[in-house]
């Protein structure tokens, strides 16, 4: 009987932790989206600067 209660409490605790994580993600969604788009733009600019000799050929390739 003791093991059953421990198992139930572990499931409840895990469920509450997952629900809290989902709430944090939803609450900070706009800031997370800004960070992801900023990181993507940073990677694009690094990729562009890797080949500077080709910069004048196709300017709208990466946009």
C-alpha atoms as a PDB file:
ATOM      1  CA  UNK A   1       0.000   0.000   0.000  1.00  0.00           C
ATOM      2  CA  UNK A   2       2.887   2.313   0.804  1.00  0.00           C
ATOM      3  CA  UNK A   3       4.444   1.834  -2.651  1.00  0.00           C
ATOM      4  CA  UNK A   4       1.133   2.650  -4.335  1.00  0.00           C
ATOM      5  CA  UNK A   5       0.901   6.021  -2.589  1.00  0.00           C
ATOM      6  CA  UNK A   6       4.487   6.857  -3.463  1.00  0.00           C
ATOM      7  CA  UNK A   7       3.816   6.015  -7.092  1.00  0.00           C
ATOM      8  CA  UNK A   8       0.659   8.144  -7.131  1.00  0.00           C
ATOM      9  CA  UNK A   9       2.504  11.076  -5.538  1.00  0.00           C
ATOM     10  CA  UNK A  10       5.300  10.774  -8.097  1.00  0.00           C
ATOM     11  CA  UNK A  11       2.768  10.897 -10.933  1.00  0.00           C
ATOM     12  CA  UNK A  12       1.015  13.915  -9.385  1.00  0.00           C
ATOM     13  CA  UNK A  13       4.336  15.695  -8.846  1.00  0.00           C
ATOM     14  CA  UNK A  14       5.448  15.021 -12.406  1.00  0.00           C
ATOM     15  CA  UNK A  15       2.111  16.251 -13.745  1.00  0.00           C
ATOM     16  CA  UNK A  16       2.374  19.482 -11.744  1.00  0.00           C
ATOM     17  CA  UNK A  17       5.948  20.028 -12.932  1.00  0.00           C
ATOM     18  CA  UNK A  18       4.937  19.559 -16.574  1.00  0.00           C
ATOM     19  CA  UNK A  19       1.960  21.890 -16.129  1.00  0.00           C
ATOM     20  CA  UNK A  20       4.226  24.523 -14.578  1.00  0.00           C
ATOM     21  CA  UNK A  21       6.697  24.228 -17.443  1.00  0.00           C
ATOM     22  CA  UNK A  22       3.889  24.652 -19.968  1.00  0.00           C
ATOM     23  CA  UNK A  23       2.658  27.752 -18.121  1.00  0.00           C
ATOM     24  CA  UNK A  24       6.147  29.270 -18.155  1.00  0.00           C
ATOM     25  CA  UNK A  25       6.506  28.601 -21.888  1.00  0.00           C
ATOM     26  CA  UNK A  26       3.127  30.180 -22.607  1.00  0.00           C
ATOM     27  CA  UNK A  27       3.870  33.159 -20.353  1.00  0.00           C
ATOM     28  CA  UNK A  28       7.201  33.950 -22.001  1.00  0.00           C
ATOM     29  CA  UNK A  29       6.275  32.940 -25.559  1.00  0.00           C
ATOM     30  CA  UNK A  30       6.821  36.409 -27.047  1.00  0.00           C
ATOM     31  CA  UNK A  31      10.281  36.742 -25.501  1.00  0.00           C
ATOM     32  CA  UNK A  32      11.242  33.227 -26.543  1.00  0.00           C
ATOM     33  CA  UNK A  33      10.119  33.926 -30.105  1.00  0.00           C
ATOM     34  CA  UNK A  34      12.235  37.111 -30.192  1.00  0.00           C
ATOM     35  CA  UNK A  35      15.283  35.219 -28.955  1.00  0.00           C
ATOM     36  CA  UNK A  36      14.835  32.449 -31.504  1.00  0.00           C
ATOM     37  CA  UNK A  37      14.379  34.886 -34.377  1.00  0.00           C
ATOM     38  CA  UNK A  38      17.421  36.854 -33.199  1.00  0.00           C
ATOM     39  CA  UNK A  39      19.512  33.687 -33.101  1.00  0.00           C
ATOM     40  CA  UNK A  40      18.324  32.723 -36.581  1.00  0.00           C
ATOM     41  CA  UNK A  41      19.222  36.164 -37.932  1.00  0.00           C
ATOM     42  CA  UNK A  42      22.638  35.926 -36.273  1.00  0.00           C
ATOM     43  CA  UNK A  43      23.277  32.577 -37.946  1.00  0.00           C
ATOM     44  CA  UNK A  44      22.191  34.000 -41.307  1.00  0.00           C
ATOM     45  CA  UNK A  45      24.555  36.945 -40.975  1.00  0.00           C
ATOM     46  CA  UNK A  46      27.438  34.631 -40.046  1.00  0.00           C
ATOM     47  CA  UNK A  47      26.716  32.476 -43.060  1.00  0.00           C
ATOM     48  CA  UNK A  48      26.702  35.551 -45.310  1.00  0.00           C
ATOM     49  CA  UNK A  49      30.002  36.844 -43.987  1.00  0.00           C
ATOM     50  CA  UNK A  50      31.686  33.495 -44.574  1.00  0.00           C
ATOM     51  CA  UNK A  51      31.832  34.129 -48.331  1.00  0.00           C
ATOM     52  CA  UNK A  52      32.360  37.882 -48.775  1.00  0.00           C
ATOM     53  CA  UNK A  53      33.606  37.495 -52.344  1.00  0.00           C
ATOM     54  CA  UNK A  54      30.109  36.437 -53.428  1.00  0.00           C
ATOM     55  CA  UNK A  55      28.211  39.226 -51.666  1.00  0.00           C
ATOM     56  CA  UNK A  56      27.668  41.283 -54.802  1.00  0.00           C
ATOM     57  CA  UNK A  57      26.176  38.470 -56.920  1.00  0.00           C
ATOM     58  CA  UNK A  58      22.835  37.654 -55.308  1.00  0.00           C
ATOM     59  CA  UNK A  59      21.704  39.994 -52.550  1.00  0.00           C
ATOM     60  CA  UNK A  60      18.203  38.613 -52.024  1.00  0.00           C
ATOM     61  CA  UNK A  61      19.264  34.949 -51.814  1.00  0.00           C
ATOM     62  CA  UNK A  62      19.131  34.847 -48.002  1.00  0.00           C
ATOM     63  CA  UNK A  63      16.009  36.952 -47.493  1.00  0.00           C
END
